[in-house]
């Protein structure tokens, strides 16, 4: 039974069926149709879509697309193309036209006369067409990709083409991607290509990336290679960069990537071997994301490092990374240290760790007025029950 012409917002019951006027009726039909599509109930969805189309409301253009989608799914591609043609004719400004165009490309790529990407002016559809042709093993796909990558296309289209290229595992595609990685093609694509190569080829790309790193003088390119080493899980390459890189910023970035990788033993190896205070400081920071093992190393440095600045930094970071687990070490450092700045660092770390209990105990026992004031200042902003109770205790004295 076709939908009754019901005024917007009006409910009418006819032959036991409730019809709702306007958007509500249309939305319900459309919702039921899309639910049937999600459950692959094509025969249930199509008549619901026909009702939506007949209402000629705000959902009608979407219904045309989904009707085309169903026709293609049930093996009637010519009917799907006809539905897309109807959408284009009835709703020339519809947002669903791109989806229908992509569906047309998919249908025609399987026929004897696939859509040729050069003839398509819309950039997104060009890439959909290329992807479809490449997945089908079409011999023309790689030359077309190369033409886009070496031509005057937009950077956005080139980057999308590069992504499609990286998915292809043929020898020719790998060679072309390698040329871009080495900067032999568009230099604006080099960094993007480096990242894609690491994802696509993993450890197999270590040699080419190592060569790029050694030969490049561009910090941005070298930084991208270091990022790729993280993706590839290549800690030895990062250690090499950290130990031999003359640019301190890149050396620090290599260390940071090792921390993100959780390579604590490698970081400790570099820490012991280097005399650079700047690099050691970066390693102390890199221990934070490295987890429990990083916390252990911070505890060692906090207790034994002779350089006061590095020792204090390790103490503060111990509070950040260790949380409550670091409290015993921090309390020991506070009680045994003769260095006032290290004591302050321990207070800071306990504050960061949220340890109001021990800070209150320290405030009660601390004889040095300056140190006690520092502890109370931390407690005053913690908004913890023990801290608040201690604040009331001070007020009542």
Protein backbone atom coordinates (compact mmCIF):
# COMPACT_ATOMS: atom_id res chain seq x y z
CA UNK A 1 0.00 0.00 0.00
CA UNK A 2 1.43 3.39 -0.97
CA UNK A 3 1.86 6.12 1.59
CA UNK A 4 -1.10 8.39 2.25
CA UNK A 5 -0.63 12.12 1.52
CA UNK A 6 -0.70 13.24 5.17
CA UNK A 7 -0.04 16.83 6.22
CA UNK A 8 3.17 17.48 8.13
CA UNK A 9 2.80 16.71 11.83
CA UNK A 10 -0.68 15.12 11.44
CA UNK A 11 -1.40 11.52 12.45
CA UNK A 12 -4.01 9.56 10.47
CA UNK A 13 -5.07 5.93 11.03
CA UNK A 14 -6.29 4.15 7.90
CA UNK A 15 -7.22 0.46 7.77
CA UNK A 16 -5.48 -0.08 11.08
CA UNK A 17 -2.20 1.54 9.95
CA UNK A 18 -0.91 4.74 11.53
CA UNK A 19 0.42 7.29 9.04
CA UNK A 20 2.44 10.25 10.32
CA UNK A 21 2.73 13.36 8.20
CA UNK A 22 5.93 15.05 7.12
CA UNK A 23 9.40 14.29 8.34
CA UNK A 24 8.40 11.77 10.99
CA UNK A 25 6.86 9.33 8.50
CA UNK A 26 9.75 9.75 6.10
CA UNK A 27 12.35 9.29 8.83
CA UNK A 28 10.67 6.11 10.08
CA UNK A 29 10.52 4.58 6.60
CA UNK A 30 14.12 5.55 5.91
CA UNK A 31 15.28 4.16 9.26
CA UNK A 32 13.49 0.86 8.63
CA UNK A 33 15.02 0.66 5.16
CA UNK A 34 18.58 1.28 6.30
CA UNK A 35 18.17 -1.22 9.12
CA UNK A 36 17.10 -3.82 6.56
CA UNK A 37 20.14 -2.91 4.42
CA UNK A 38 22.48 -3.34 7.38
CA UNK A 39 20.99 -6.80 7.89
CA UNK A 40 21.25 -7.60 4.14
CA UNK A 41 17.46 -7.93 3.84
CA UNK A 42 17.42 -6.47 0.33
CA UNK A 43 13.85 -7.50 -0.54
CA UNK A 44 12.51 -5.82 2.61
CA UNK A 45 14.49 -2.63 2.11
CA UNK A 46 13.61 -1.84 -1.50
CA UNK A 47 9.83 -1.27 -1.10
CA UNK A 48 10.53 0.94 1.93
CA UNK A 49 12.94 3.01 -0.17
CA UNK A 50 10.32 3.31 -2.92
CA UNK A 51 7.93 4.80 -0.37
CA UNK A 52 10.59 7.31 0.74
CA UNK A 53 11.21 8.28 -2.89
CA UNK A 54 7.47 8.78 -3.47
CA UNK A 55 7.30 11.26 -0.58
CA UNK A 56 9.87 13.48 -2.38
CA UNK A 57 11.15 14.77 0.95
CA UNK A 58 14.62 15.38 2.32
CA UNK A 59 15.45 11.66 2.39
CA UNK A 60 14.48 10.89 -1.20
CA UNK A 61 17.89 11.44 -2.74
CA UNK A 62 19.50 9.12 -0.19
CA UNK A 63 16.84 6.53 -0.97
CA UNK A 64 17.81 6.65 -4.66
CA UNK A 65 21.43 5.91 -3.73
CA UNK A 66 20.54 3.01 -1.45
CA UNK A 67 18.26 1.60 -4.12
CA UNK A 68 21.21 1.66 -6.53
CA UNK A 69 23.34 0.01 -3.85
CA UNK A 70 20.82 -2.82 -3.42
CA UNK A 71 20.50 -3.37 -7.16
CA UNK A 72 24.25 -3.81 -7.41
CA UNK A 73 24.30 -6.17 -4.42
CA UNK A 74 21.67 -8.48 -5.95
CA UNK A 75 23.51 -8.66 -9.26
CA UNK A 76 21.55 -6.12 -11.33
CA UNK A 77 24.22 -3.53 -12.18
CA UNK A 78 22.29 -1.99 -15.07
CA UNK A 79 19.37 -1.23 -12.72
CA UNK A 80 21.86 0.24 -10.24
CA UNK A 81 23.19 2.57 -12.92
CA UNK A 82 19.63 3.55 -13.81
CA UNK A 83 18.90 4.43 -10.15
CA UNK A 84 22.00 6.63 -10.06
CA UNK A 85 20.86 8.28 -13.28
CA UNK A 86 17.48 8.99 -11.69
CA UNK A 87 19.21 10.50 -8.67
CA UNK A 88 21.30 12.77 -10.90
CA UNK A 89 18.24 13.84 -12.88
CA UNK A 90 15.93 14.51 -9.93
CA UNK A 91 18.47 15.87 -7.42
CA UNK A 92 21.36 17.46 -9.33
CA UNK A 93 22.72 19.13 -6.16
CA UNK A 94 22.46 16.11 -3.88
CA UNK A 95 25.29 15.20 -1.53
CA UNK A 96 24.69 11.57 -2.50
CA UNK A 97 25.93 12.12 -6.07
CA UNK A 98 29.54 11.40 -5.10
CA UNK A 99 28.51 8.10 -3.56
CA UNK A 100 26.57 7.15 -6.65
CA UNK A 101 29.48 8.18 -8.87
CA UNK A 102 31.81 5.96 -6.86
CA UNK A 103 29.31 3.10 -7.18
CA UNK A 104 29.18 3.67 -10.95
CA UNK A 105 32.97 3.51 -11.12
CA UNK A 106 32.96 0.25 -9.17
CA UNK A 107 30.32 -1.24 -11.48
CA UNK A 108 31.95 -0.14 -14.70
CA UNK A 109 35.45 -1.16 -13.60
CA UNK A 110 34.16 -4.74 -13.66
CA UNK A 111 32.75 -4.36 -17.16
CA UNK A 112 34.46 -4.32 -20.52
CA UNK A 113 34.61 -0.52 -20.52
CA UNK A 114 35.83 0.72 -17.10
CA UNK A 115 35.85 4.40 -16.25
CA UNK A 116 39.19 5.95 -17.19
CA UNK A 117 40.49 8.14 -14.34
CA UNK A 118 41.97 10.72 -16.71
CA UNK A 119 38.47 11.63 -17.83
CA UNK A 120 37.15 12.16 -14.31
CA UNK A 121 37.54 15.70 -13.03
CA UNK A 122 36.61 15.12 -9.40
CA UNK A 123 39.78 14.33 -7.42
CA UNK A 124 38.16 11.96 -4.97
CA UNK A 125 36.57 9.99 -7.76
CA UNK A 126 39.89 9.81 -9.58
CA UNK A 127 41.38 8.03 -6.60
CA UNK A 128 38.39 5.73 -6.22
CA UNK A 129 38.78 4.82 -9.86
CA UNK A 130 42.52 4.25 -9.51
CA UNK A 131 42.07 2.13 -6.42
CA UNK A 132 39.47 0.03 -8.17
CA UNK A 133 41.65 -0.46 -11.24
CA UNK A 134 44.72 -1.26 -9.14
CA UNK A 135 42.88 -3.86 -7.08
CA UNK A 136 41.76 -5.43 -10.32
CA UNK A 137 45.35 -5.80 -11.46
CA UNK A 138 44.94 -3.45 -14.40
CA UNK A 139 48.29 -2.86 -16.11
CA UNK A 140 47.47 0.81 -16.68
CA UNK A 141 47.18 1.62 -12.98
CA UNK A 142 50.87 2.10 -12.16
CA UNK A 143 51.63 4.41 -15.14
CA UNK A 144 48.57 6.49 -14.23
CA UNK A 145 49.77 6.77 -10.63
CA UNK A 146 53.21 7.79 -11.82
CA UNK A 147 51.66 10.38 -14.12
CA UNK A 148 49.76 11.90 -11.18
CA UNK A 149 52.78 11.84 -8.87
CA UNK A 150 55.04 13.50 -11.43
CA UNK A 151 52.46 15.91 -12.85
CA UNK A 152 50.91 19.20 -11.83
CA UNK A 153 48.11 17.73 -9.75
CA UNK A 154 47.22 19.08 -6.32
CA UNK A 155 49.27 17.95 -3.32
CA UNK A 156 46.14 16.38 -1.86
CA UNK A 157 45.62 14.21 -4.94
CA UNK A 158 49.30 13.30 -5.03
CA UNK A 159 49.25 12.24 -1.39
CA UNK A 160 46.21 10.06 -1.99
CA UNK A 161 47.89 8.55 -5.05
CA UNK A 162 50.97 7.87 -2.95
CA UNK A 163 48.83 6.01 -0.43
CA UNK A 164 47.37 3.84 -3.21
CA UNK A 165 50.89 3.21 -4.52
CA UNK A 166 52.11 2.06 -1.09
CA UNK A 167 49.41 -0.63 -0.98
CA UNK A 168 50.70 -2.23 -4.17
CA UNK A 169 53.27 -4.95 -3.56
CA UNK A 170 54.58 -5.27 -7.11
CA UNK A 171 58.28 -4.79 -7.79
CA UNK A 172 57.55 -1.79 -10.01
CA UNK A 173 55.41 -0.09 -7.36
CA UNK A 174 58.10 -0.65 -4.71
CA UNK A 175 60.74 0.84 -6.98
CA UNK A 176 58.63 3.94 -7.64
CA UNK A 177 57.92 4.37 -3.92
CA UNK A 178 61.64 3.99 -3.21
CA UNK A 179 62.47 6.76 -5.65
CA UNK A 180 60.07 9.10 -3.87
CA UNK A 181 61.47 8.10 -0.47
CA UNK A 182 64.97 8.98 -1.67
CA UNK A 183 63.77 12.39 -2.84
CA UNK A 184 64.29 11.62 -6.53
CA UNK A 185 60.75 12.71 -7.39
CA UNK A 186 58.57 15.47 -5.88
CA UNK A 187 60.44 16.51 -2.68
CA UNK A 188 57.16 17.57 -1.11
CA UNK A 189 56.11 13.91 -1.06
CA UNK A 190 59.29 12.52 0.47
CA UNK A 191 58.28 12.70 4.14
CA UNK A 192 54.84 11.22 3.44
CA UNK A 193 56.49 8.43 1.43
CA UNK A 194 58.91 7.65 4.26
CA UNK A 195 56.03 7.13 6.68
CA UNK A 196 54.07 5.01 4.23
CA UNK A 197 57.12 2.88 3.42
CA UNK A 198 57.64 2.06 7.10
CA UNK A 199 54.02 0.95 7.43
CA UNK A 200 53.93 -0.98 4.15
CA UNK A 201 57.29 -2.75 4.34
CA UNK A 202 58.21 -2.70 8.02
CA UNK A 203 61.73 -3.85 8.81
CA UNK A 204 62.28 -4.52 5.13
CA UNK A 205 62.64 -0.77 4.61
CA UNK A 206 65.47 -0.36 7.15
CA UNK A 207 68.30 -0.22 4.61
CA UNK A 208 66.73 2.38 2.32
CA UNK A 209 65.67 4.55 5.27
CA UNK A 210 69.12 4.28 6.81
CA UNK A 211 70.61 5.50 3.54
CA UNK A 212 68.15 8.40 3.38
CA UNK A 213 69.01 9.38 6.95
CA UNK A 214 72.74 9.33 6.31
CA UNK A 215 72.59 11.29 3.07
CA UNK A 216 69.94 13.87 3.94
CA UNK A 217 70.75 17.28 5.37
CA UNK A 218 67.08 18.15 5.92
CA UNK A 219 66.14 17.86 9.63
CA UNK A 220 62.48 17.28 8.71
CA UNK A 221 63.37 14.31 6.53
CA UNK A 222 65.69 12.88 9.19
CA UNK A 223 63.01 13.33 11.85
CA UNK A 224 60.52 11.45 9.64
CA UNK A 225 63.02 8.59 9.35
CA UNK A 226 63.35 8.46 13.14
CA UNK A 227 59.56 8.30 13.40
CA UNK A 228 59.61 5.47 10.86
CA UNK A 229 62.10 3.55 13.01
CA UNK A 230 59.55 3.66 15.83
CA UNK A 231 56.84 2.28 13.52
CA UNK A 232 59.24 -0.46 12.35
CA UNK A 233 60.33 -1.26 15.93
CA UNK A 234 64.00 -0.75 15.05
CA UNK A 235 65.63 0.34 18.35
CA UNK A 236 69.17 -0.31 17.09
CA UNK A 237 68.70 2.33 14.41
CA UNK A 238 67.50 4.85 16.99
CA UNK A 239 70.46 4.08 19.25
CA UNK A 240 72.80 4.67 16.34
CA UNK A 241 71.15 8.02 15.59
CA UNK A 242 71.20 9.10 19.25
CA UNK A 243 74.89 8.27 19.64
CA UNK A 244 76.22 9.68 16.38
CA UNK A 245 73.83 12.49 15.39
CA UNK A 246 75.52 15.91 15.52
CA UNK A 247 72.20 17.78 15.64
CA UNK A 248 71.19 17.75 19.33
CA UNK A 249 67.49 18.13 18.54
CA UNK A 250 67.53 15.01 16.36
CA UNK A 251 69.53 13.10 18.96
CA UNK A 252 66.93 14.03 21.57
CA UNK A 253 64.13 12.97 19.23
CA UNK A 254 65.78 9.58 18.72
CA UNK A 255 65.94 9.16 22.50
CA UNK A 256 62.28 10.16 22.82
CA UNK A 257 61.29 7.50 20.28
CA UNK A 258 63.22 4.88 22.25
CA UNK A 259 61.21 5.87 25.32
CA UNK A 260 57.94 5.51 23.40
CA UNK A 261 59.18 2.09 22.29
CA UNK A 262 59.89 1.09 25.89
CA UNK A 263 63.55 0.37 25.07
CA UNK A 264 64.81 1.05 28.60
CA UNK A 265 68.00 -0.99 28.33
CA UNK A 266 68.98 0.93 25.18
CA UNK A 267 68.31 4.25 26.90
CA UNK A 268 70.43 3.23 29.87
CA UNK A 269 73.19 2.15 27.51
CA UNK A 270 73.22 5.60 25.91
CA UNK A 271 72.99 7.34 29.30
CA UNK A 272 76.12 5.57 30.57
CA UNK A 273 78.04 6.12 27.33
CA UNK A 274 77.32 9.80 26.69
CA UNK A 275 78.94 12.80 28.33
CA UNK A 276 76.28 15.16 26.97
CA UNK A 277 74.23 16.62 29.79
CA UNK A 278 71.57 17.66 27.27
CA UNK A 279 71.20 14.11 25.97
CA UNK A 280 71.13 12.68 29.48
CA UNK A 281 68.35 15.11 30.35
CA UNK A 282 66.38 13.91 27.32
CA UNK A 283 66.86 10.30 28.41
CA UNK A 284 65.53 11.11 31.88
CA UNK A 285 62.39 12.45 30.18
CA UNK A 286 62.22 9.42 27.87
CA UNK A 287 62.02 7.07 30.85
CA UNK A 288 58.55 8.43 31.73
CA UNK A 289 56.59 6.73 28.91
CA UNK A 290 58.74 3.60 29.17
CA UNK A 291 56.71 2.20 32.06
CA UNK A 292 57.81 0.39 35.23
CA UNK A 293 61.34 -0.34 34.01
CA UNK A 294 61.79 3.33 33.24
CA UNK A 295 60.70 4.17 36.77
CA UNK A 296 63.35 1.82 38.14
CA UNK A 297 66.06 3.56 36.13
CA UNK A 298 64.84 6.95 37.31
CA UNK A 299 65.16 5.73 40.89
CA UNK A 300 68.78 4.73 40.26
CA UNK A 301 69.63 8.11 38.73
CA UNK A 302 67.75 10.00 41.45
CA UNK A 303 69.85 8.23 44.08
CA UNK A 304 73.27 8.11 42.43
CA UNK A 305 73.64 10.83 39.76
CA UNK A 306 76.42 13.25 40.71
CA UNK A 307 75.21 16.13 38.55
CA UNK A 308 72.71 17.99 40.78
CA UNK A 309 70.54 19.24 37.91
CA UNK A 310 70.15 15.77 36.40
CA UNK A 311 69.55 14.24 39.83
CA UNK A 312 66.75 16.72 40.59
CA UNK A 313 65.17 16.15 37.21
CA UNK A 314 65.18 12.40 37.83
CA UNK A 315 63.59 12.91 41.25
CA UNK A 316 60.78 15.04 39.80
CA UNK A 317 60.18 12.60 36.93
CA UNK A 318 60.05 9.76 39.43
CA UNK A 319 56.92 11.34 40.86
CA UNK A 320 55.41 11.67 37.39
CA UNK A 321 56.10 8.12 36.21
CA UNK A 322 56.03 6.13 39.44
CA UNK A 323 52.97 7.51 41.17
CA UNK A 324 52.31 5.88 44.53
CA UNK A 325 54.88 3.15 43.78
CA UNK A 326 57.64 5.77 43.81
CA UNK A 327 56.70 7.16 47.24
CA UNK A 328 59.11 4.99 49.33
CA UNK A 329 62.06 5.97 47.14
CA UNK A 330 61.10 9.64 47.29
CA UNK A 331 60.75 9.55 51.05
CA UNK A 332 64.20 7.97 51.33
CA UNK A 333 65.68 10.61 49.05
CA UNK A 334 64.07 13.38 51.13
CA UNK A 335 65.27 12.01 54.45
CA UNK A 336 68.83 11.25 53.38
CA UNK A 337 69.59 14.18 51.08
CA UNK A 338 71.70 17.08 52.27
CA UNK A 339 70.94 19.04 49.12
CA UNK A 340 68.06 21.46 49.69
CA UNK A 341 67.21 21.57 46.00
CA UNK A 342 66.97 17.78 45.89
CA UNK A 343 64.66 17.93 48.90
CA UNK A 344 62.49 20.44 47.06
CA UNK A 345 62.45 18.14 44.04
CA UNK A 346 61.30 15.27 46.25
CA UNK A 347 58.48 17.44 47.63
CA UNK A 348 57.47 18.35 44.08
CA UNK A 349 57.48 14.68 43.11
CA UNK A 350 55.36 13.64 46.09
CA UNK A 351 52.92 16.43 45.19
CA UNK A 352 52.72 15.17 41.60
CA UNK A 353 52.24 11.61 42.89
CA UNK A 354 49.28 12.87 44.97
CA UNK A 355 50.77 11.70 48.26
CA UNK A 356 49.04 14.05 50.72
CA UNK A 357 49.45 11.58 53.57
CA UNK A 358 53.25 11.69 53.61
CA UNK A 359 53.38 15.40 52.86
CA UNK A 360 51.26 16.07 55.96
CA UNK A 361 53.59 13.90 58.05
CA UNK A 362 56.59 15.76 56.65
CA UNK A 363 54.99 19.14 57.38
CA UNK A 364 54.41 18.13 61.00
CA UNK A 365 57.98 16.94 61.52
CA UNK A 366 59.95 19.40 59.39
CA UNK A 367 61.99 21.82 61.53
CA UNK A 368 63.19 24.08 58.72
CA UNK A 369 60.65 26.94 58.33
CA UNK A 370 61.36 27.37 54.61
CA UNK A 371 60.99 23.66 53.84
CA UNK A 372 57.81 23.44 55.94
CA UNK A 373 56.32 26.42 54.12
CA UNK A 374 57.06 24.75 50.78
CA UNK A 375 55.30 21.56 51.86
CA UNK A 376 52.25 23.45 53.16
CA UNK A 377 52.02 25.43 49.93
CA UNK A 378 51.71 22.13 48.04
CA UNK A 379 49.12 20.76 50.46
CA UNK A 380 47.06 23.95 50.19
CA UNK A 381 46.18 23.21 46.55
CA UNK A 382 45.73 19.43 46.73
CA UNK A 383 42.05 19.45 47.84
CA UNK A 384 42.55 16.08 49.45
CA UNK A 385 40.74 15.22 52.73
CA UNK A 386 43.98 14.73 54.66
CA UNK A 387 45.37 17.95 53.19
CA UNK A 388 42.16 19.86 54.00
CA UNK A 389 42.08 18.49 57.55
CA UNK A 390 45.66 19.65 58.05
CA UNK A 391 44.77 23.11 56.76
CA UNK A 392 41.96 23.27 59.37
CA UNK A 393 44.41 22.06 62.00
CA UNK A 394 46.77 24.97 61.15
CA UNK A 395 43.90 27.46 61.33
CA UNK A 396 42.81 26.24 64.77
CA UNK A 397 46.25 26.57 66.33
